[in-house]
Amino acid sequence: MKKISVSLSGHQTSISLEQEFVTALHDIANARKTSIAKIIGEIDAHRDMNGNLSSAIRVWILNYFRN
């Protein structure tokens, strides 16, 4: 597991993800010419608040590559 730290809504948060998902996030951010923090912010804004953010990120990455 790898921890990444980002600022969401003005406060720092840490997210633990497997290295493969962190690498995928970097690849997607580079392809979209944006930052990982911006992608995570978008995921956070649209996720079901009953689930955790790490899971939402994993599902988002899976759907990104499926589409």
PDB file of N, CA and C in Angstrom:
ATOM      1  N   MET A   1       0.837  -1.184   0.000  1.00  0.00           N
ATOM      2  CA  MET A   1       0.000   0.000   0.000  1.00  0.00           C
ATOM      3  C   MET A   1       0.882   1.248   0.000  1.00  0.00           C
ATOM      4  N   LYS A   2       0.397   2.232  -0.685  1.00  0.00           N
ATOM      5  CA  LYS A   2       1.116   3.503  -0.747  1.00  0.00           C
ATOM      6  C   LYS A   2       0.149   4.602  -0.327  1.00  0.00           C
ATOM      7  N   LYS A   3       0.634   5.507   0.503  1.00  0.00           N
ATOM      8  CA  LYS A   3      -0.180   6.639   0.924  1.00  0.00           C
ATOM      9  C   LYS A   3       0.113   7.822   0.024  1.00  0.00           C
ATOM     10  N   ILE A   4      -0.961   8.459  -0.403  1.00  0.00           N
ATOM     11  CA  ILE A   4      -0.811   9.715  -1.125  1.00  0.00           C
ATOM     12  C   ILE A   4      -1.603  10.770  -0.360  1.00  0.00           C
ATOM     13  N   SER A   5      -1.089  11.973  -0.326  1.00  0.00           N
ATOM     14  CA  SER A   5      -1.754  13.068   0.368  1.00  0.00           C
ATOM     15  C   SER A   5      -2.224  14.101  -0.640  1.00  0.00           C
ATOM     16  N   VAL A   6      -3.456  14.533  -0.462  1.00  0.00           N
ATOM     17  CA  VAL A   6      -4.024  15.572  -1.328  1.00  0.00           C
ATOM     18  C   VAL A   6      -4.847  16.518  -0.473  1.00  0.00           C
ATOM     19  N   SER A   7      -5.096  17.691  -1.002  1.00  0.00           N
ATOM     20  CA  SER A   7      -5.959  18.655  -0.342  1.00  0.00           C
ATOM     21  C   SER A   7      -7.337  18.575  -0.964  1.00  0.00           C
ATOM     22  N   LEU A   8      -8.348  18.282  -0.142  1.00  0.00           N
ATOM     23  CA  LEU A   8      -9.741  18.223  -0.593  1.00  0.00           C
ATOM     24  C   LEU A   8     -10.552  19.224   0.219  1.00  0.00           C
ATOM     25  N   SER A   9     -11.214  20.100  -0.476  1.00  0.00           N
ATOM     26  CA  SER A   9     -12.039  21.118   0.180  1.00  0.00           C
ATOM     27  C   SER A   9     -11.262  21.884   1.241  1.00  0.00           C
ATOM     28  N   GLY A  10     -10.006  22.148   0.953  1.00  0.00           N
ATOM     29  CA  GLY A  10      -9.198  22.968   1.839  1.00  0.00           C
ATOM     30  C   GLY A  10      -8.506  22.259   2.982  1.00  0.00           C
ATOM     31  N   HIS A  11      -8.656  20.941   3.090  1.00  0.00           N
ATOM     32  CA  HIS A  11      -7.916  20.244   4.135  1.00  0.00           C
ATOM     33  C   HIS A  11      -7.220  19.013   3.590  1.00  0.00           C
ATOM     34  N   GLN A  12      -6.066  18.732   4.189  1.00  0.00           N
ATOM     35  CA  GLN A  12      -5.250  17.599   3.749  1.00  0.00           C
ATOM     36  C   GLN A  12      -5.904  16.276   4.133  1.00  0.00           C
ATOM     37  N   THR A  13      -5.816  15.320   3.244  1.00  0.00           N
ATOM     38  CA  THR A  13      -6.267  13.972   3.543  1.00  0.00           C
ATOM     39  C   THR A  13      -5.278  12.987   2.943  1.00  0.00           C
ATOM     40  N   SER A  14      -5.125  11.856   3.580  1.00  0.00           N
ATOM     41  CA  SER A  14      -4.254  10.801   3.073  1.00  0.00           C
ATOM     42  C   SER A  14      -5.112   9.638   2.606  1.00  0.00           C
ATOM     43  N   ILE A  15      -4.707   9.063   1.504  1.00  0.00           N
ATOM     44  CA  ILE A  15      -5.425   7.940   0.913  1.00  0.00           C
ATOM     45  C   ILE A  15      -4.440   6.810   0.710  1.00  0.00           C
ATOM     46  N   SER A  16      -4.811   5.613   1.125  1.00  0.00           N
ATOM     47  CA  SER A  16      -3.961   4.435   0.929  1.00  0.00           C
ATOM     48  C   SER A  16      -4.481   3.638  -0.262  1.00  0.00           C
ATOM     49  N   LEU A  17      -3.594   3.428  -1.222  1.00  0.00           N
ATOM     50  CA  LEU A  17      -3.923   2.659  -2.419  1.00  0.00           C
ATOM     51  C   LEU A  17      -2.763   1.738  -2.753  1.00  0.00           C
ATOM     52  N   GLU A  18      -3.067   0.643  -3.400  1.00  0.00           N
ATOM     53  CA  GLU A  18      -2.024  -0.234  -3.907  1.00  0.00           C
ATOM     54  C   GLU A  18      -1.212   0.537  -4.953  1.00  0.00           C
ATOM     55  N   GLN A  19       0.062   0.194  -5.061  1.00  0.00           N
ATOM     56  CA  GLN A  19       0.964   0.897  -5.978  1.00  0.00           C
ATOM     57  C   GLN A  19       0.419   0.915  -7.408  1.00  0.00           C
ATOM     58  N   GLU A  20      -0.211  -0.169  -7.823  1.00  0.00           N
ATOM     59  CA  GLU A  20      -0.749  -0.241  -9.189  1.00  0.00           C
ATOM     60  C   GLU A  20      -1.802   0.835  -9.435  1.00  0.00           C
ATOM     61  N   PHE A  21      -2.629   1.130  -8.424  1.00  0.00           N
ATOM     62  CA  PHE A  21      -3.641   2.167  -8.580  1.00  0.00           C
ATOM     63  C   PHE A  21      -3.015   3.555  -8.560  1.00  0.00           C
ATOM     64  N   VAL A  22      -1.975   3.733  -7.769  1.00  0.00           N
ATOM     65  CA  VAL A  22      -1.269   5.019  -7.763  1.00  0.00           C
ATOM     66  C   VAL A  22      -0.633   5.263  -9.130  1.00  0.00           C
ATOM     67  N   THR A  23      -0.016   4.231  -9.685  1.00  0.00           N
ATOM     68  CA  THR A  23       0.577   4.342 -11.023  1.00  0.00           C
ATOM     69  C   THR A  23      -0.496   4.666 -12.056  1.00  0.00           C
ATOM     70  N   ALA A  24      -1.642   3.989 -11.960  1.00  0.00           N
ATOM     71  CA  ALA A  24      -2.744   4.253 -12.893  1.00  0.00           C
ATOM     72  C   ALA A  24      -3.215   5.700 -12.769  1.00  0.00           C
ATOM     73  N   LEU A  25      -3.320   6.210 -11.550  1.00  0.00           N
ATOM     74  CA  LEU A  25      -3.723   7.611 -11.362  1.00  0.00           C
ATOM     75  C   LEU A  25      -2.731   8.562 -12.015  1.00  0.00           C
ATOM     76  N   HIS A  26      -1.446   8.294 -11.859  1.00  0.00           N
ATOM     77  CA  HIS A  26      -0.422   9.125 -12.510  1.00  0.00           C
ATOM     78  C   HIS A  26      -0.590   9.072 -14.029  1.00  0.00           C
ATOM     79  N   ASP A  27      -0.792   7.886 -14.569  1.00  0.00           N
ATOM     80  CA  ASP A  27      -0.958   7.731 -16.017  1.00  0.00           C
ATOM     81  C   ASP A  27      -2.181   8.499 -16.524  1.00  0.00           C
ATOM     82  N   ILE A  28      -3.294   8.388 -15.795  1.00  0.00           N
ATOM     83  CA  ILE A  28      -4.520   9.084 -16.195  1.00  0.00           C
ATOM     84  C   ILE A  28      -4.329  10.597 -16.102  1.00  0.00           C
ATOM     85  N   ALA A  29      -3.718  11.062 -15.014  1.00  0.00           N
ATOM     86  CA  ALA A  29      -3.482  12.500 -14.865  1.00  0.00           C
ATOM     87  C   ALA A  29      -2.607  13.031 -15.996  1.00  0.00           C
ATOM     88  N   ASN A  30      -1.566  12.290 -16.351  1.00  0.00           N
ATOM     89  CA  ASN A  30      -0.701  12.715 -17.468  1.00  0.00           C
ATOM     90  C   ASN A  30      -1.471  12.744 -18.774  1.00  0.00           C
ATOM     91  N   ALA A  31      -2.290  11.723 -19.024  1.00  0.00           N
ATOM     92  CA  ALA A  31      -3.069  11.666 -20.266  1.00  0.00           C
ATOM     93  C   ALA A  31      -4.079  12.807 -20.336  1.00  0.00           C
ATOM     94  N   ARG A  32      -4.653  13.171 -19.205  1.00  0.00           N
ATOM     95  CA  ARG A  32      -5.658  14.237 -19.160  1.00  0.00           C
ATOM     96  C   ARG A  32      -5.035  15.612 -18.945  1.00  0.00           C
ATOM     97  N   LYS A  33      -3.711  15.650 -18.768  1.00  0.00           N
ATOM     98  CA  LYS A  33      -2.989  16.901 -18.516  1.00  0.00           C
ATOM     99  C   LYS A  33      -3.594  17.651 -17.321  1.00  0.00           C
ATOM    100  N   THR A  34      -3.724  16.912 -16.228  1.00  0.00           N
ATOM    101  CA  THR A  34      -4.267  17.468 -14.995  1.00  0.00           C
ATOM    102  C   THR A  34      -3.516  16.868 -13.816  1.00  0.00           C
ATOM    103  N   SER A  35      -3.917  17.218 -12.624  1.00  0.00           N
ATOM    104  CA  SER A  35      -3.240  16.703 -11.430  1.00  0.00           C
ATOM    105  C   SER A  35      -4.033  15.553 -10.799  1.00  0.00           C
ATOM    106  N   ILE A  36      -3.323  14.744 -10.051  1.00  0.00           N
ATOM    107  CA  ILE A  36      -3.976  13.674  -9.308  1.00  0.00           C
ATOM    108  C   ILE A  36      -4.967  14.279  -8.316  1.00  0.00           C
ATOM    109  N   ALA A  37      -4.594  15.370  -7.679  1.00  0.00           N
ATOM    110  CA  ALA A  37      -5.481  16.017  -6.708  1.00  0.00           C
ATOM    111  C   ALA A  37      -6.797  16.439  -7.357  1.00  0.00           C
ATOM    112  N   LYS A  38      -6.734  16.954  -8.561  1.00  0.00           N
ATOM    113  CA  LYS A  38      -7.959  17.377  -9.257  1.00  0.00           C
ATOM    114  C   LYS A  38      -8.839  16.167  -9.573  1.00  0.00           C
ATOM    115  N   ILE A  39      -8.235  15.074 -10.027  1.00  0.00           N
ATOM    116  CA  ILE A  39      -9.005  13.860 -10.316  1.00  0.00           C
ATOM    117  C   ILE A  39      -9.656  13.334  -9.034  1.00  0.00           C
ATOM    118  N   ILE A  40      -8.886  13.265  -7.953  1.00  0.00           N
ATOM    119  CA  ILE A  40      -9.440  12.768  -6.692  1.00  0.00           C
ATOM    120  C   ILE A  40     -10.545  13.692  -6.195  1.00  0.00           C
ATOM    121  N   GLY A  41     -10.382  14.984  -6.385  1.00  0.00           N
ATOM    122  CA  GLY A  41     -11.434  15.936  -6.005  1.00  0.00           C
ATOM    123  C   GLY A  41     -12.722  15.688  -6.768  1.00  0.00           C
ATOM    124  N   GLU A  42     -12.605  15.399  -8.064  1.00  0.00           N
ATOM    125  CA  GLU A  42     -13.786  15.100  -8.883  1.00  0.00           C
ATOM    126  C   GLU A  42     -14.451  13.808  -8.417  1.00  0.00           C
ATOM    127  N   ILE A  43     -13.637  12.796  -8.134  1.00  0.00           N
ATOM    128  CA  ILE A  43     -14.175  11.522  -7.647  1.00  0.00           C
ATOM    129  C   ILE A  43     -14.886  11.750  -6.324  1.00  0.00           C
ATOM    130  N   ASP A  44     -14.267  12.492  -5.424  1.00  0.00           N
ATOM    131  CA  ASP A  44     -14.841  12.753  -4.113  1.00  0.00           C
ATOM    132  C   ASP A  44     -16.170  13.488  -4.236  1.00  0.00           C
ATOM    133  N   ALA A  45     -16.255  14.444  -5.139  1.00  0.00           N
ATOM    134  CA  ALA A  45     -17.474  15.245  -5.298  1.00  0.00           C
ATOM    135  C   ALA A  45     -18.644  14.423  -5.823  1.00  0.00           C
ATOM    136  N   HIS A  46     -18.359  13.343  -6.549  1.00  0.00           N
ATOM    137  CA  HIS A  46     -19.428  12.559  -7.179  1.00  0.00           C
ATOM    138  C   HIS A  46     -19.658  11.191  -6.552  1.00  0.00           C
ATOM    139  N   ARG A  47     -18.948  10.867  -5.493  1.00  0.00           N
ATOM    140  CA  ARG A  47     -19.072   9.524  -4.917  1.00  0.00           C
ATOM    141  C   ARG A  47     -20.237   9.429  -3.945  1.00  0.00           C
ATOM    142  N   ASP A  48     -20.635   8.200  -3.707  1.00  0.00           N
ATOM    143  CA  ASP A  48     -21.641   7.898  -2.694  1.00  0.00           C
ATOM    144  C   ASP A  48     -20.979   8.105  -1.341  1.00  0.00           C
ATOM    145  N   MET A  49     -21.485   8.987  -0.537  1.00  0.00           N
ATOM    146  CA  MET A  49     -20.848   9.324   0.738  1.00  0.00           C
ATOM    147  C   MET A  49     -20.922   8.188   1.764  1.00  0.00           C
ATOM    148  N   ASN A  50     -21.618   7.117   1.447  1.00  0.00           N
ATOM    149  CA  ASN A  50     -21.650   5.967   2.354  1.00  0.00           C
ATOM    150  C   ASN A  50     -20.427   5.072   2.160  1.00  0.00           C
ATOM    151  N   GLY A  51     -19.738   5.225   1.036  1.00  0.00           N
ATOM    152  CA  GLY A  51     -18.542   4.435   0.763  1.00  0.00           C
ATOM    153  C   GLY A  51     -17.288   5.229   1.090  1.00  0.00           C
ATOM    154  N   ASN A  52     -16.142   4.536   1.121  1.00  0.00           N
ATOM    155  CA  ASN A  52     -14.913   5.282   1.421  1.00  0.00           C
ATOM    156  C   ASN A  52     -14.243   5.756   0.128  1.00  0.00           C
ATOM    157  N   LEU A  53     -13.418   6.755   0.268  1.00  0.00           N
ATOM    158  CA  LEU A  53     -12.800   7.403  -0.887  1.00  0.00           C
ATOM    159  C   LEU A  53     -11.842   6.473  -1.624  1.00  0.00           C
ATOM    160  N   SER A  54     -11.075   5.683  -0.898  1.00  0.00           N
ATOM    161  CA  SER A  54     -10.142   4.765  -1.561  1.00  0.00           C
ATOM    162  C   SER A  54     -10.876   3.795  -2.482  1.00  0.00           C
ATOM    163  N   SER A  55     -11.986   3.266  -2.014  1.00  0.00           N
ATOM    164  CA  SER A  55     -12.780   2.351  -2.843  1.00  0.00           C
ATOM    165  C   SER A  55     -13.351   3.071  -4.054  1.00  0.00           C
ATOM    166  N   ALA A  56     -13.829   4.288  -3.850  1.00  0.00           N
ATOM    167  CA  ALA A  56     -14.379   5.069  -4.959  1.00  0.00           C
ATOM    168  C   ALA A  56     -13.311   5.325  -6.023  1.00  0.00           C
ATOM    169  N   ILE A  57     -12.084   5.577  -5.595  1.00  0.00           N
ATOM    170  CA  ILE A  57     -10.989   5.806  -6.544  1.00  0.00           C
ATOM    171  C   ILE A  57     -10.701   4.539  -7.335  1.00  0.00           C
ATOM    172  N   ARG A  58     -10.644   3.401  -6.667  1.00  0.00           N
ATOM    173  CA  ARG A  58     -10.386   2.132  -7.359  1.00  0.00           C
ATOM    174  C   ARG A  58     -11.454   1.858  -8.415  1.00  0.00           C
ATOM    175  N   VAL A  59     -12.720   2.050  -8.049  1.00  0.00           N
ATOM    176  CA  VAL A  59     -13.823   1.810  -8.992  1.00  0.00           C
ATOM    177  C   VAL A  59     -13.738   2.794 -10.150  1.00  0.00           C
ATOM    178  N   TRP A  60     -13.428   4.039  -9.864  1.00  0.00           N
ATOM    179  CA  TRP A  60     -13.319   5.051 -10.925  1.00  0.00           C
ATOM    180  C   TRP A  60     -12.213   4.670 -11.918  1.00  0.00           C
ATOM    181  N   ILE A  61     -11.066   4.233 -11.397  1.00  0.00           N
ATOM    182  CA  ILE A  61      -9.952   3.818 -12.268  1.00  0.00           C
ATOM    183  C   ILE A  61     -10.363   2.624 -13.119  1.00  0.00           C
ATOM    184  N   LEU A  62     -11.021   1.648 -12.520  1.00  0.00           N
ATOM    185  CA  LEU A  62     -11.506   0.490 -13.275  1.00  0.00           C
ATOM    186  C   LEU A  62     -12.431   0.930 -14.399  1.00  0.00           C
ATOM    187  N   ASN A  63     -13.378   1.795 -14.083  1.00  0.00           N
ATOM    188  CA  ASN A  63     -14.318   2.271 -15.113  1.00  0.00           C
ATOM    189  C   ASN A  63     -13.609   3.095 -16.187  1.00  0.00           C
ATOM    190  N   TYR A  64     -12.608   3.859 -15.793  1.00  0.00           N
ATOM    191  CA  TYR A  64     -11.843   4.655 -16.762  1.00  0.00           C
ATOM    192  C   TYR A  64     -11.238   3.738 -17.831  1.00  0.00           C
ATOM    193  N   PHE A  65     -10.609   2.669 -17.395  1.00  0.00           N
ATOM    194  CA  PHE A  65      -9.961   1.774 -18.354  1.00  0.00           C
ATOM    195  C   PHE A  65     -10.947   0.864 -19.075  1.00  0.00           C
ATOM    196  N   ARG A  66     -12.089   0.605 -18.489  1.00  0.00           N
ATOM    197  CA  ARG A  66     -13.116  -0.185 -19.175  1.00  0.00           C
ATOM    198  C   ARG A  66     -13.733   0.605 -20.328  1.00  0.00           C
ATOM    199  N   ASN A  67     -13.851   1.905 -20.132  1.00  0.00           N
ATOM    200  CA  ASN A  67     -14.467   2.757 -21.160  1.00  0.00           C
ATOM    201  C   ASN A  67     -13.416   3.207 -22.140  1.00  0.00           C
TER     202      ASN A  67
END
